[in-house]
Amino acid sequence: MTANKRRFKAEIDGHTYTIIGTASDRHMQTVTRMMNEQITQLKKLAPDMSDTEIATLLAFNAISDQVDKQAELLKMQTDDADK
């Protein structure tokens, strides 16, 4: 493990995970809080969904958001290059 990677314990939906990465504790706490909020919301909206279905939907939404952000960044870079 490189010097800048750290361990962070996150409790997500009642399960404890050890996350290894370079993000700050504040970042990891924010991600953990947001995940738990979204899990709680999905459980209220669709109580019949399994934990696996909820996790899959959260992952899909996260990747969808990432694709949107990458498209925005590419557009900004293209707009800047055209100036």
Protein backbone atom coordinates (compact mmCIF):
# COMPACT_ATOMS: atom_id res chain seq x y z
CA MET A 1 0.00 0.00 0.00
CA THR A 2 1.46 3.36 -0.98
CA ALA A 3 1.96 6.07 1.63
CA ASN A 4 -0.93 8.24 0.42
CA LYS A 5 -3.56 5.48 0.62
CA ARG A 6 -5.53 5.16 3.81
CA ARG A 7 -8.11 2.87 5.32
CA PHE A 8 -11.59 4.15 6.07
CA LYS A 9 -14.30 2.20 7.86
CA ALA A 10 -17.75 2.89 6.44
CA GLU A 11 -21.04 1.59 7.76
CA ILE A 12 -23.39 1.21 4.83
CA ASP A 13 -26.88 -0.18 5.38
CA GLY A 14 -25.80 -1.78 8.65
CA HIS A 15 -22.68 -3.45 7.21
CA THR A 16 -19.14 -2.31 7.94
CA TYR A 17 -16.72 -2.00 5.04
CA THR A 18 -13.07 -1.04 4.99
CA ILE A 19 -12.39 1.24 2.05
CA ILE A 20 -8.81 1.83 0.93
CA GLY A 21 -8.15 4.98 -1.06
CA THR A 22 -6.66 8.43 -1.23
CA ALA A 23 -9.79 10.49 -0.53
CA SER A 24 -10.10 12.52 2.64
CA ASP A 25 -12.09 11.30 5.63
CA ARG A 26 -14.59 14.09 4.97
CA HIS A 27 -15.09 12.88 1.39
CA MET A 28 -15.57 9.27 2.54
CA GLN A 29 -18.02 10.35 5.25
CA THR A 30 -20.02 12.33 2.70
CA VAL A 31 -20.16 9.38 0.29
CA THR A 32 -21.18 7.04 3.11
CA ARG A 33 -23.93 9.41 4.27
CA MET A 34 -25.25 9.89 0.73
CA MET A 35 -25.27 6.15 0.06
CA ASN A 36 -27.20 5.46 3.26
CA GLU A 37 -29.69 8.21 2.42
CA GLN A 38 -30.25 6.80 -1.07
CA ILE A 39 -30.58 3.24 0.23
CA THR A 40 -33.15 4.38 2.80
CA GLN A 41 -35.07 6.28 0.13
CA LEU A 42 -35.11 3.28 -2.24
CA LYS A 43 -36.27 0.96 0.55
CA LYS A 44 -39.18 3.31 1.26
CA LEU A 45 -40.12 3.71 -2.41
CA ALA A 46 -39.71 0.04 -3.33
CA PRO A 47 -39.81 -2.10 -0.18
CA ASP A 48 -39.89 -5.33 -2.21
CA MET A 49 -36.47 -4.69 -3.79
CA SER A 50 -33.68 -6.94 -2.57
CA ASP A 51 -30.41 -5.58 -1.22
CA THR A 52 -28.74 -6.75 -4.44
CA GLU A 53 -31.27 -4.90 -6.58
CA ILE A 54 -30.80 -1.74 -4.52
CA ALA A 55 -27.01 -1.99 -4.80
CA THR A 56 -27.26 -2.56 -8.55
CA LEU A 57 -29.55 0.45 -9.00
CA LEU A 58 -27.23 2.67 -6.92
CA ALA A 59 -24.23 1.54 -8.98
CA PHE A 60 -26.10 2.16 -12.23
CA ASN A 61 -27.08 5.66 -11.09
CA ALA A 62 -23.51 6.44 -10.01
CA ILE A 63 -22.08 5.36 -13.36
CA SER A 64 -24.81 7.26 -15.20
CA ASP A 65 -23.85 10.40 -13.26
CA GLN A 66 -20.18 9.78 -14.10
CA VAL A 67 -20.98 9.50 -17.81
CA ASP A 68 -22.95 12.77 -17.64
CA LYS A 69 -20.05 14.55 -15.90
CA GLN A 70 -17.55 13.23 -18.46
CA ALA A 71 -19.78 14.45 -21.30
CA GLU A 72 -20.03 17.90 -19.65
CA LEU A 73 -16.24 18.03 -19.25
CA LEU A 74 -15.67 17.06 -22.89
CA LYS A 75 -18.13 19.73 -24.02
CA MET A 76 -16.38 22.37 -21.89
CA GLN A 77 -12.99 21.32 -23.28
CA THR A 78 -14.31 21.46 -26.84
CA ASP A 79 -15.90 24.88 -26.23
CA ASP A 80 -12.61 26.18 -24.79
CA ALA A 81 -10.64 24.82 -27.77
CA ASP A 82 -13.00 26.58 -30.20
CA LYS A 83 -12.36 30.00 -28.63
